PDB file of N, CA and C in Angstrom:
ATOM      1  N   UNK A   1      14.838  20.731 -10.192  1.00  0.00           N
ATOM      2  CA  UNK A   1      15.877  20.670 -11.316  1.00  0.00           C
ATOM      3  C   UNK A   1      15.625  19.515 -12.160  1.00  0.00           C
ATOM      4  N   UNK A   2      15.989  19.627 -13.471  1.00  0.00           N
ATOM      5  CA  UNK A   2      15.644  18.580 -14.762  1.00  0.00           C
ATOM      6  C   UNK A   2      17.066  18.094 -15.164  1.00  0.00           C
ATOM      7  N   UNK A   3      17.055  16.858 -15.465  1.00  0.00           N
ATOM      8  CA  UNK A   3      18.266  16.294 -16.257  1.00  0.00           C
ATOM      9  C   UNK A   3      18.202  16.679 -17.373  1.00  0.00           C
ATOM     10  N   UNK A   4      19.618  16.062 -18.004  1.00  0.00           N
ATOM     11  CA  UNK A   4      19.811  16.515 -19.527  1.00  0.00           C
ATOM     12  C   UNK A   4      18.560  16.019 -20.706  1.00  0.00           C
ATOM     13  N   UNK A   5      17.718  15.254 -20.177  1.00  0.00           N
ATOM     14  CA  UNK A   5      16.661  14.548 -21.066  1.00  0.00           C
ATOM     15  C   UNK A   5      15.392  15.215 -20.466  1.00  0.00           C
ATOM     16  N   UNK A   6      15.273  16.238 -19.307  1.00  0.00           N
ATOM     17  CA  UNK A   6      13.998  16.816 -18.972  1.00  0.00           C
ATOM     18  C   UNK A   6      13.251  16.185 -18.044  1.00  0.00           C
ATOM     19  N   UNK A   7      13.987  15.305 -17.686  1.00  0.00           N
ATOM     20  CA  UNK A   7      13.304  14.417 -16.200  1.00  0.00           C
ATOM     21  C   UNK A   7      13.619  15.149 -14.730  1.00  0.00           C
ATOM     22  N   UNK A   8      12.605  15.052 -14.190  1.00  0.00           N
ATOM     23  CA  UNK A   8      12.754  16.006 -12.754  1.00  0.00           C
ATOM     24  C   UNK A   8      13.767  15.068 -11.942  1.00  0.00           C
ATOM     25  N   UNK A   9      14.513  15.677 -11.321  1.00  0.00           N
ATOM     26  CA  UNK A   9      15.751  15.107 -10.640  1.00  0.00           C
ATOM     27  C   UNK A   9      15.484  15.466  -8.994  1.00  0.00           C
ATOM     28  N   UNK A  10      15.163  16.761  -8.771  1.00  0.00           N
ATOM     29  CA  UNK A  10      15.343  16.856  -7.503  1.00  0.00           C
ATOM     30  C   UNK A  10      15.252  18.513  -7.282  1.00  0.00           C
ATOM     31  N   UNK A  11      15.085  19.202  -6.302  1.00  0.00           N
ATOM     32  CA  UNK A  11      14.865  20.583  -5.750  1.00  0.00           C
ATOM     33  C   UNK A  11      16.535  20.945  -5.368  1.00  0.00           C
ATOM     34  N   UNK A  12      16.415  22.174  -5.131  1.00  0.00           N
ATOM     35  CA  UNK A  12      17.869  22.814  -5.235  1.00  0.00           C
ATOM     36  C   UNK A  12      18.123  22.423  -3.810  1.00  0.00           C
ATOM     37  N   UNK A  13      19.116  21.967  -3.482  1.00  0.00           N
ATOM     38  CA  UNK A  13      19.656  21.355  -2.323  1.00  0.00           C
ATOM     39  C   UNK A  13      18.433  20.310  -1.515  1.00  0.00           C
ATOM     40  N   UNK A  14      17.871  19.660  -2.435  1.00  0.00           N
ATOM     41  CA  UNK A  14      16.819  18.984  -1.803  1.00  0.00           C
ATOM     42  C   UNK A  14      16.474  17.980  -2.708  1.00  0.00           C
ATOM     43  N   UNK A  15      15.808  16.842  -2.052  1.00  0.00           N
ATOM     44  CA  UNK A  15      15.503  15.660  -2.660  1.00  0.00           C
ATOM     45  C   UNK A  15      13.816  15.857  -3.008  1.00  0.00           C
ATOM     46  N   UNK A  16      13.215  15.334  -4.161  1.00  0.00           N
ATOM     47  CA  UNK A  16      11.787  15.667  -4.455  1.00  0.00           C
ATOM     48  C   UNK A  16      10.987  14.493  -4.234  1.00  0.00           C
ATOM     49  N   UNK A  17       9.946  14.388  -3.574  1.00  0.00           N
ATOM     50  CA  UNK A  17       8.800  13.236  -3.609  1.00  0.00           C
ATOM     51  C   UNK A  17       7.556  13.566  -4.137  1.00  0.00           C
ATOM     52  N   UNK A  18       6.808  12.767  -4.689  1.00  0.00           N
ATOM     53  CA  UNK A  18       5.553  13.126  -4.951  1.00  0.00           C
ATOM     54  C   UNK A  18       4.560  11.802  -4.532  1.00  0.00           C
ATOM     55  N   UNK A  19       3.131  12.228  -4.523  1.00  0.00           N
ATOM     56  CA  UNK A  19       2.246  11.087  -4.151  1.00  0.00           C
ATOM     57  C   UNK A  19       1.250  11.259  -5.250  1.00  0.00           C
ATOM     58  N   UNK A  20       0.977  10.174  -5.817  1.00  0.00           N
ATOM     59  CA  UNK A  20      -0.213  10.172  -6.708  1.00  0.00           C
ATOM     60  C   UNK A  20      -0.975   8.777  -6.461  1.00  0.00           C
ATOM     61  N   UNK A  21      -2.388   8.856  -6.131  1.00  0.00           N
ATOM     62  CA  UNK A  21      -3.100   7.563  -5.927  1.00  0.00           C
ATOM     63  C   UNK A  21      -2.538   6.956  -4.790  1.00  0.00           C
ATOM     64  N   UNK A  22      -2.150   7.513  -3.686  1.00  0.00           N
ATOM     65  CA  UNK A  22      -1.315   6.740  -2.727  1.00  0.00           C
ATOM     66  C   UNK A  22      -0.085   6.346  -2.887  1.00  0.00           C
ATOM     67  N   UNK A  23       0.521   6.122  -4.083  1.00  0.00           N
ATOM     68  CA  UNK A  23       1.696   5.905  -4.342  1.00  0.00           C
ATOM     69  C   UNK A  23       2.833   6.773  -4.153  1.00  0.00           C
ATOM     70  N   UNK A  24       4.292   6.742  -3.303  1.00  0.00           N
ATOM     71  CA  UNK A  24       5.275   7.658  -3.002  1.00  0.00           C
ATOM     72  C   UNK A  24       6.220   7.369  -4.128  1.00  0.00           C
ATOM     73  N   UNK A  25       6.168   8.468  -4.782  1.00  0.00           N
ATOM     74  CA  UNK A  25       7.504   8.542  -5.889  1.00  0.00           C
ATOM     75  C   UNK A  25       8.464   9.223  -5.687  1.00  0.00           C
ATOM     76  N   UNK A  26       9.726   9.105  -5.969  1.00  0.00           N
ATOM     77  CA  UNK A  26      10.709   9.814  -6.261  1.00  0.00           C
ATOM     78  C   UNK A  26      11.772   9.612  -7.233  1.00  0.00           C
ATOM     79  N   UNK A  27      12.564  10.416  -7.726  1.00  0.00           N
ATOM     80  CA  UNK A  27      13.448  10.474  -8.935  1.00  0.00           C
ATOM     81  C   UNK A  27      14.370   9.346  -8.835  1.00  0.00           C
ATOM     82  N   UNK A  28      14.608   8.545 -10.008  1.00  0.00           N
ATOM     83  CA  UNK A  28      15.698   7.721 -10.154  1.00  0.00           C
ATOM     84  C   UNK A  28      16.925   8.475 -10.493  1.00  0.00           C
ATOM     85  N   UNK A  29      17.979   8.346  -9.654  1.00  0.00           N
ATOM     86  CA  UNK A  29      19.124   9.148  -9.846  1.00  0.00           C
ATOM     87  C   UNK A  29      20.230   8.529 -10.489  1.00  0.00           C
ATOM     88  N   UNK A  30      20.189   7.820 -11.544  1.00  0.00           N
ATOM     89  CA  UNK A  30      21.281   7.077 -11.767  1.00  0.00           C
ATOM     90  C   UNK A  30      22.033   8.121 -12.728  1.00  0.00           C
ATOM     91  N   UNK A  31      21.461   8.961 -13.366  1.00  0.00           N
ATOM     92  CA  UNK A  31      22.280   9.957 -14.346  1.00  0.00           C
ATOM     93  C   UNK A  31      22.508  11.353 -13.811  1.00  0.00           C
ATOM     94  N   UNK A  32      21.922  11.851 -12.692  1.00  0.00           N
ATOM     95  CA  UNK A  32      22.182  13.141 -12.215  1.00  0.00           C
ATOM     96  C   UNK A  32      21.480  13.555 -10.850  1.00  0.00           C
ATOM     97  N   UNK A  33      22.008  14.082  -9.702  1.00  0.00           N
ATOM     98  CA  UNK A  33      21.257  14.537  -8.949  1.00  0.00           C
ATOM     99  C   UNK A  33      22.188  13.606  -7.686  1.00  0.00           C
ATOM    100  N   UNK A  34      21.409  14.071  -6.249  1.00  0.00           N
ATOM    101  CA  UNK A  34      22.415  13.598  -5.240  1.00  0.00           C
ATOM    102  C   UNK A  34      21.143  12.701  -4.337  1.00  0.00           C
ATOM    103  N   UNK A  35      21.657  11.733  -3.833  1.00  0.00           N
ATOM    104  CA  UNK A  35      20.745  10.929  -3.003  1.00  0.00           C
ATOM    105  C   UNK A  35      21.080  11.443  -1.632  1.00  0.00           C
ATOM    106  N   UNK A  36      20.327  12.457  -1.071  1.00  0.00           N
ATOM    107  CA  UNK A  36      20.519  12.683   0.178  1.00  0.00           C
ATOM    108  C   UNK A  36      19.916  11.652   1.310  1.00  0.00           C
ATOM    109  N   UNK A  37      20.685  11.979   2.221  1.00  0.00           N
ATOM    110  CA  UNK A  37      20.476  11.214   3.857  1.00  0.00           C
ATOM    111  C   UNK A  37      18.904  11.088   3.977  1.00  0.00           C
ATOM    112  N   UNK A  38      18.402  12.487   4.340  1.00  0.00           N
ATOM    113  CA  UNK A  38      16.781  12.297   4.510  1.00  0.00           C
ATOM    114  C   UNK A  38      16.079  11.426   3.355  1.00  0.00           C
ATOM    115  N   UNK A  39      16.463  11.522   2.065  1.00  0.00           N
ATOM    116  CA  UNK A  39      15.783  10.633   0.800  1.00  0.00           C
ATOM    117  C   UNK A  39      16.251   9.364   1.424  1.00  0.00           C
ATOM    118  N   UNK A  40      17.296   8.709   1.869  1.00  0.00           N
ATOM    119  CA  UNK A  40      17.577   7.432   2.308  1.00  0.00           C
ATOM    120  C   UNK A  40      16.874   6.943   3.494  1.00  0.00           C
ATOM    121  N   UNK A  41      16.589   7.682   4.310  1.00  0.00           N
ATOM    122  CA  UNK A  41      15.915   7.547   5.499  1.00  0.00           C
ATOM    123  C   UNK A  41      14.350   7.283   5.278  1.00  0.00           C
ATOM    124  N   UNK A  42      13.773   8.236   4.463  1.00  0.00           N
ATOM    125  CA  UNK A  42      12.298   8.037   4.025  1.00  0.00           C
ATOM    126  C   UNK A  42      12.206   6.657   3.154  1.00  0.00           C
ATOM    127  N   UNK A  43      13.163   6.613   2.360  1.00  0.00           N
ATOM    128  CA  UNK A  43      12.754   5.279   1.384  1.00  0.00           C
ATOM    129  C   UNK A  43      12.992   4.120   2.319  1.00  0.00           C
ATOM    130  N   UNK A  44      13.844   4.088   3.177  1.00  0.00           N
ATOM    131  CA  UNK A  44      13.659   2.948   4.314  1.00  0.00           C
ATOM    132  C   UNK A  44      12.735   2.832   4.903  1.00  0.00           C
ATOM    133  N   UNK A  45      12.328   4.070   5.578  1.00  0.00           N
ATOM    134  CA  UNK A  45      11.090   3.703   6.209  1.00  0.00           C
ATOM    135  C   UNK A  45       9.868   3.461   5.575  1.00  0.00           C
ATOM    136  N   UNK A  46       9.667   3.821   4.344  1.00  0.00           N
ATOM    137  CA  UNK A  46       8.621   3.455   3.433  1.00  0.00           C
ATOM    138  C   UNK A  46       8.574   1.962   3.188  1.00  0.00           C
ATOM    139  N   UNK A  47       9.713   1.532   3.154  1.00  0.00           N
ATOM    140  CA  UNK A  47       9.892   0.203   2.519  1.00  0.00           C
ATOM    141  C   UNK A  47       9.478  -0.577   3.931  1.00  0.00           C
ATOM    142  N   UNK A  48      10.123  -0.366   5.170  1.00  0.00           N
ATOM    143  CA  UNK A  48       9.657  -1.105   6.484  1.00  0.00           C
ATOM    144  C   UNK A  48       8.107  -0.738   6.744  1.00  0.00           C
ATOM    145  N   UNK A  49       7.525   0.324   6.111  1.00  0.00           N
ATOM    146  CA  UNK A  49       6.162   0.498   6.571  1.00  0.00           C
ATOM    147  C   UNK A  49       5.252  -0.032   5.680  1.00  0.00           C
ATOM    148  N   UNK A  50       5.623  -0.703   4.562  1.00  0.00           N
ATOM    149  CA  UNK A  50       5.076  -1.101   3.226  1.00  0.00           C
ATOM    150  C   UNK A  50       4.226  -0.458   2.432  1.00  0.00           C
ATOM    151  N   UNK A  51       4.935   1.211   2.399  1.00  0.00           N
ATOM    152  CA  UNK A  51       4.322   2.106   1.427  1.00  0.00           C
ATOM    153  C   UNK A  51       4.651   1.894   0.437  1.00  0.00           C
ATOM    154  N   UNK A  52       3.481   2.081  -0.713  1.00  0.00           N
ATOM    155  CA  UNK A  52       3.646   1.388  -2.195  1.00  0.00           C
ATOM    156  C   UNK A  52       4.584   2.706  -2.626  1.00  0.00           C
ATOM    157  N   UNK A  53       6.032   2.426  -3.206  1.00  0.00           N
ATOM    158  CA  UNK A  53       6.861   3.099  -3.207  1.00  0.00           C
ATOM    159  C   UNK A  53       7.490   2.653  -4.922  1.00  0.00           C
ATOM    160  N   UNK A  54       7.642   3.873  -5.542  1.00  0.00           N
ATOM    161  CA  UNK A  54       8.322   3.676  -6.834  1.00  0.00           C
ATOM    162  C   UNK A  54       9.325   4.486  -6.978  1.00  0.00           C
ATOM    163  N   UNK A  55      10.603   4.309  -7.672  1.00  0.00           N
ATOM    164  CA  UNK A  55      11.913   5.136  -7.980  1.00  0.00           C
ATOM    165  C   UNK A  55      12.024   5.088  -9.377  1.00  0.00           C
ATOM    166  N   UNK A  56      11.711   6.136  -9.955  1.00  0.00           N
ATOM    167  CA  UNK A  56      11.714   5.813 -11.598  1.00  0.00           C
ATOM    168  C   UNK A  56      12.001   7.410 -12.125  1.00  0.00           C
ATOM    169  N   UNK A  57      11.962   7.616 -13.324  1.00  0.00           N
ATOM    170  CA  UNK A  57      11.996   8.915 -13.987  1.00  0.00           C
ATOM    171  C   UNK A  57      10.791   9.463 -13.932  1.00  0.00           C
ATOM    172  N   UNK A  58      10.553  10.656 -13.508  1.00  0.00           N
ATOM    173  CA  UNK A  58       9.316  11.540 -13.566  1.00  0.00           C
ATOM    174  C   UNK A  58       9.744  12.663 -14.556  1.00  0.00           C
ATOM    175  N   UNK A  59       8.239  12.850 -15.062  1.00  0.00           N
ATOM    176  CA  UNK A  59       8.385  13.938 -16.118  1.00  0.00           C
ATOM    177  C   UNK A  59       7.663  14.987 -15.647  1.00  0.00           C
ATOM    178  N   UNK A  60       8.128  16.225 -15.944  1.00  0.00           N
ATOM    179  CA  UNK A  60       7.564  17.578 -15.283  1.00  0.00           C
ATOM    180  C   UNK A  60       5.997  17.764 -14.801  1.00  0.00           C
ATOM    181  N   UNK A  61       5.189  17.142 -16.066  1.00  0.00           N
ATOM    182  CA  UNK A  61       4.018  17.452 -16.033  1.00  0.00           C
ATOM    183  C   UNK A  61       3.344  16.381 -14.937  1.00  0.00           C
ATOM    184  N   UNK A  62       4.053  15.410 -14.649  1.00  0.00           N
ATOM    185  CA  UNK A  62       3.508  14.717 -13.557  1.00  0.00           C
ATOM    186  C   UNK A  62       3.392  15.629 -12.128  1.00  0.00           C
ATOM    187  N   UNK A  63       4.147  16.436 -12.001  1.00  0.00           N
ATOM    188  CA  UNK A  63       4.023  17.303 -10.628  1.00  0.00           C
ATOM    189  C   UNK A  63       2.604  18.197 -10.764  1.00  0.00           C
ATOM    190  N   UNK A  64       2.253  18.311 -11.856  1.00  0.00           N
ATOM    191  CA  UNK A  64       0.755  18.796 -11.809  1.00  0.00           C
ATOM    192  C   UNK A  64      -0.156  18.379 -11.715  1.00  0.00           C
ATOM    193  N   UNK A  65      -0.163  16.849 -11.857  1.00  0.00           N
ATOM    194  CA  UNK A  65      -0.856  15.742 -11.475  1.00  0.00           C
ATOM    195  C   UNK A  65      -0.740  15.152 -10.267  1.00  0.00           C
ATOM    196  N   UNK A  66       0.273  15.563  -9.513  1.00  0.00           N
ATOM    197  CA  UNK A  66       0.241  14.790  -8.117  1.00  0.00           C
ATOM    198  C   UNK A  66      -0.712  15.148  -7.151  1.00  0.00           C
ATOM    199  N   UNK A  67      -0.810  14.358  -6.329  1.00  0.00           N
ATOM    200  CA  UNK A  67      -1.806  14.583  -5.175  1.00  0.00           C
ATOM    201  C   UNK A  67      -0.878  15.314  -3.907  1.00  0.00           C
ATOM    202  N   UNK A  68       0.160  15.144  -3.774  1.00  0.00           N
ATOM    203  CA  UNK A  68       1.192  15.725  -2.829  1.00  0.00           C
ATOM    204  C   UNK A  68       2.523  15.817  -3.675  1.00  0.00           C
ATOM    205  N   UNK A  69       3.324  17.061  -3.007  1.00  0.00           N
ATOM    206  CA  UNK A  69       4.710  17.135  -3.681  1.00  0.00           C
ATOM    207  C   UNK A  69       5.275  17.512  -2.127  1.00  0.00           C
ATOM    208  N   UNK A  70       6.283  16.785  -1.890  1.00  0.00           N
ATOM    209  CA  UNK A  70       7.209  17.346  -0.766  1.00  0.00           C
ATOM    210  C   UNK A  70       8.756  17.286  -1.187  1.00  0.00           C
ATOM    211  N   UNK A  71       9.846  18.402  -0.561  1.00  0.00           N
ATOM    212  CA  UNK A  71      11.174  18.423  -0.587  1.00  0.00           C
ATOM    213  C   UNK A  71      11.532  17.990   0.641  1.00  0.00           C
ATOM    214  N   UNK A  72      12.826  17.327   0.661  1.00  0.00           N
ATOM    215  CA  UNK A  72      13.499  16.798   1.745  1.00  0.00           C
ATOM    216  C   UNK A  72      15.009  17.222   1.845  1.00  0.00           C
ATOM    217  N   UNK A  73      15.378  17.342   2.976  1.00  0.00           N
ATOM    218  CA  UNK A  73      16.695  17.444   3.222  1.00  0.00           C
ATOM    219  C   UNK A  73      17.218  17.272   4.405  1.00  0.00           C
ATOM    220  N   UNK A  74      18.449  16.926   5.094  1.00  0.00           N
ATOM    221  CA  UNK A  74      18.588  16.794   6.596  1.00  0.00           C
ATOM    222  C   UNK A  74      18.365  18.168   7.219  1.00  0.00           C
ATOM    223  N   UNK A  75      18.631  19.243   6.783  1.00  0.00           N
ATOM    224  CA  UNK A  75      18.368  20.262   7.579  1.00  0.00           C
ATOM    225  C   UNK A  75      16.698  20.674   7.704  1.00  0.00           C
ATOM    226  N   UNK A  76      15.920  20.657   6.456  1.00  0.00           N
ATOM    227  CA  UNK A  76      14.538  21.097   6.592  1.00  0.00           C
ATOM    228  C   UNK A  76      13.638  20.076   6.886  1.00  0.00           C
ATOM    229  N   UNK A  77      14.109  18.672   6.761  1.00  0.00           N
ATOM    230  CA  UNK A  77      13.304  17.745   7.097  1.00  0.00           C
ATOM    231  C   UNK A  77      12.361  17.354   5.986  1.00  0.00           C
ATOM    232  N   UNK A  78      11.011  17.382   6.149  1.00  0.00           N
ATOM    233  CA  UNK A  78      10.152  17.272   5.473  1.00  0.00           C
ATOM    234  C   UNK A  78       9.504  18.743   5.055  1.00  0.00           C
ATOM    235  N   UNK A  79       9.407  19.132   3.630  1.00  0.00           N
ATOM    236  CA  UNK A  79       9.097  20.417   3.436  1.00  0.00           C
ATOM    237  C   UNK A  79       7.847  20.392   2.344  1.00  0.00           C
ATOM    238  N   UNK A  80       6.624  20.463   2.662  1.00  0.00           N
ATOM    239  CA  UNK A  80       5.569  20.332   1.683  1.00  0.00           C
ATOM    240  C   UNK A  80       5.422  21.511   0.567  1.00  0.00           C
ATOM    241  N   UNK A  81       5.237  21.233  -0.453  1.00  0.00           N
ATOM    242  CA  UNK A  81       5.075  21.953  -1.633  1.00  0.00           C
ATOM    243  C   UNK A  81       3.545  22.590  -1.624  1.00  0.00           C
ATOM    244  N   UNK A  82       3.404  23.681  -1.654  1.00  0.00           N
ATOM    245  CA  UNK A  82       1.960  24.411  -1.469  1.00  0.00           C
ATOM    246  C   UNK A  82       1.503  24.869  -2.977  1.00  0.00           C
ATOM    247  N   UNK A  83       2.475  25.066  -3.613  1.00  0.00           N
ATOM    248  CA  UNK A  83       2.411  25.468  -5.100  1.00  0.00           C
ATOM    249  C   UNK A  83       3.268  25.354  -6.011  1.00  0.00           C
ATOM    250  N   UNK A  84       2.794  24.605  -7.288  1.00  0.00           N
ATOM    251  CA  UNK A  84       3.819  24.437  -8.437  1.00  0.00           C
ATOM    252  C   UNK A  84       2.972  25.092  -9.483  1.00  0.00           C
ATOM    253  N   UNK A  85       3.593  26.076 -10.327  1.00  0.00           N
ATOM    254  CA  UNK A  85       2.960  26.590 -11.334  1.00  0.00           C
ATOM    255  C   UNK A  85       1.666  27.100 -11.091  1.00  0.00           C
ATOM    256  N   UNK A  86       0.660  26.759 -11.395  1.00  0.00           N
ATOM    257  CA  UNK A  86      -0.708  27.545 -11.133  1.00  0.00           C
ATOM    258  C   UNK A  86      -1.441  26.628 -10.110  1.00  0.00           C
ATOM    259  N   UNK A  87      -0.857  25.251 -10.059  1.00  0.00           N
ATOM    260  CA  UNK A  87      -1.414  24.357  -8.797  1.00  0.00           C
ATOM    261  C   UNK A  87      -1.356  24.478  -7.565  1.00  0.00           C
ATOM    262  N   UNK A  88      -2.455  24.734  -6.776  1.00  0.00           N
ATOM    263  CA  UNK A  88      -2.088  24.620  -5.487  1.00  0.00           C
ATOM    264  C   UNK A  88      -2.183  23.306  -4.855  1.00  0.00           C
ATOM    265  N   UNK A  89      -1.686  23.301  -3.742  1.00  0.00           N
ATOM    266  CA  UNK A  89      -1.614  21.796  -2.979  1.00  0.00           C
ATOM    267  C   UNK A  89      -1.961  21.997  -1.576  1.00  0.00           C
ATOM    268  N   UNK A  90      -2.744  21.180  -0.881  1.00  0.00           N
ATOM    269  CA  UNK A  90      -2.816  21.065   0.592  1.00  0.00           C
ATOM    270  C   UNK A  90      -1.780  20.129   0.995  1.00  0.00           C
ATOM    271  N   UNK A  91      -1.244  20.512   2.153  1.00  0.00           N
ATOM    272  CA  UNK A  91      -0.228  19.277   2.860  1.00  0.00           C
ATOM    273  C   UNK A  91      -1.052  18.051   3.038  1.00  0.00           C
ATOM    274  N   UNK A  92      -0.560  17.238   2.344  1.00  0.00           N
ATOM    275  CA  UNK A  92      -0.894  16.009   2.347  1.00  0.00           C
ATOM    276  C   UNK A  92      -0.585  14.946   3.369  1.00  0.00           C
ATOM    277  N   UNK A  93      -1.634  13.892   3.603  1.00  0.00           N
ATOM    278  CA  UNK A  93      -1.252  12.981   4.486  1.00  0.00           C
ATOM    279  C   UNK A  93      -0.201  12.076   4.598  1.00  0.00           C
ATOM    280  N   UNK A  94       0.328  11.920   3.508  1.00  0.00           N
ATOM    281  CA  UNK A  94       1.594  11.134   3.386  1.00  0.00           C
ATOM    282  C   UNK A  94       2.854  12.090   3.860  1.00  0.00           C
ATOM    283  N   UNK A  95       2.518  13.149   3.466  1.00  0.00           N
ATOM    284  CA  UNK A  95       3.889  14.011   4.158  1.00  0.00           C
ATOM    285  C   UNK A  95       3.815  14.173   5.599  1.00  0.00           C
ATOM    286  N   UNK A  96       2.541  14.429   6.072  1.00  0.00           N
ATOM    287  CA  UNK A  96       2.443  14.685   7.302  1.00  0.00           C
ATOM    288  C   UNK A  96       2.726  13.176   7.966  1.00  0.00           C
ATOM    289  N   UNK A  97       2.565  12.273   7.754  1.00  0.00           N
ATOM    290  CA  UNK A  97       2.931  10.692   8.342  1.00  0.00           C
ATOM    291  C   UNK A  97       4.295  10.776   8.202  1.00  0.00           C
ATOM    292  N   UNK A  98       5.155  11.106   7.117  1.00  0.00           N
ATOM    293  CA  UNK A  98       6.372  11.306   7.278  1.00  0.00           C
ATOM    294  C   UNK A  98       7.210  12.181   8.266  1.00  0.00           C
ATOM    295  N   UNK A  99       6.669  13.586   8.301  1.00  0.00           N
ATOM    296  CA  UNK A  99       7.061  14.301   9.144  1.00  0.00           C
ATOM    297  C   UNK A  99       6.790  13.659  10.658  1.00  0.00           C
ATOM    298  N   UNK A 100       5.784  12.929  10.788  1.00  0.00           N
ATOM    299  CA  UNK A 100       5.672  12.573  12.245  1.00  0.00           C
ATOM    300  C   UNK A 100       6.469  11.546  12.500  1.00  0.00           C
ATOM    301  N   UNK A 101       6.806  10.592  11.340  1.00  0.00           N
ATOM    302  CA  UNK A 101       7.788   9.366  11.466  1.00  0.00           C
ATOM    303  C   UNK A 101       9.363  10.104  12.088  1.00  0.00           C
ATOM    304  N   UNK A 102       9.766  11.267  11.426  1.00  0.00           N
ATOM    305  CA  UNK A 102      10.924  11.713  11.901  1.00  0.00           C
ATOM    306  C   UNK A 102      10.878  12.431  12.997  1.00  0.00           C
ATOM    307  N   UNK A 103       9.896  12.870  13.502  1.00  0.00           N
ATOM    308  CA  UNK A 103       9.685  13.661  14.742  1.00  0.00           C
ATOM    309  C   UNK A 103       9.697  12.598  15.931  1.00  0.00           C
ATOM    310  N   UNK A 104       8.945  11.599  15.632  1.00  0.00           N
ATOM    311  CA  UNK A 104       8.995  10.544  16.716  1.00  0.00           C
ATOM    312  C   UNK A 104       9.665   9.151  16.477  1.00  0.00           C
ATOM    313  N   UNK A 105      11.139   9.595  15.761  1.00  0.00           N
ATOM    314  CA  UNK A 105      12.018   8.447  15.339  1.00  0.00           C
ATOM    315  C   UNK A 105      12.445   7.739  16.583  1.00  0.00           C
ATOM    316  N   UNK A 106      12.799   8.359  17.624  1.00  0.00           N
ATOM    317  CA  UNK A 106      13.452   7.712  18.877  1.00  0.00           C
ATOM    318  C   UNK A 106      12.330   6.764  19.464  1.00  0.00           C
ATOM    319  N   UNK A 107      11.216   7.120  19.281  1.00  0.00           N
ATOM    320  CA  UNK A 107      10.033   6.563  20.186  1.00  0.00           C
ATOM    321  C   UNK A 107       9.674   5.344  19.497  1.00  0.00           C
ATOM    322  N   UNK A 108       9.479   5.359  18.077  1.00  0.00           N
ATOM    323  CA  UNK A 108       8.864   4.458  17.404  1.00  0.00           C
ATOM    324  C   UNK A 108       9.946   3.934  16.142  1.00  0.00           C
ATOM    325  N   UNK A 109      10.767   3.997  16.196  1.00  0.00           N
ATOM    326  CA  UNK A 109      11.753   3.652  15.012  1.00  0.00           C
ATOM    327  C   UNK A 109      11.814   2.239  14.635  1.00  0.00           C
ATOM    328  N   UNK A 110      11.007   1.260  13.815  1.00  0.00           N
ATOM    329  CA  UNK A 110      10.822   0.259  13.599  1.00  0.00           C
ATOM    330  C   UNK A 110      12.103  -0.391  13.302  1.00  0.00           C
ATOM    331  N   UNK A 111      12.326  -1.309  13.860  1.00  0.00           N
ATOM    332  CA  UNK A 111      13.714  -2.416  13.931  1.00  0.00           C
ATOM    333  C   UNK A 111      13.603  -3.470  13.075  1.00  0.00           C
TER     334      UNK A 111
END
């Protein structure tokens, strides 16, 4: 979904993350969108784990050049995107790492 200025905001009932050159990015939601619970958990864990993180406006064409894209919400957890337009993606290492954080949260949740 895009905001009125054409920036990527989120997916349908999900928050969007992308990875480019090892940096985790998600949309700035100051004008539109819903900051979901799973998004908050991932942002908190990324900060605790010193993952390079950026929250900013994202242009649609950045999805094509991303190394990884995944969607999140409290029901699906982390849902890797396998294709956007004509670009195909492998499930990326950061999406897999975040899935592992969530599955093993009770055992290894940093405090």
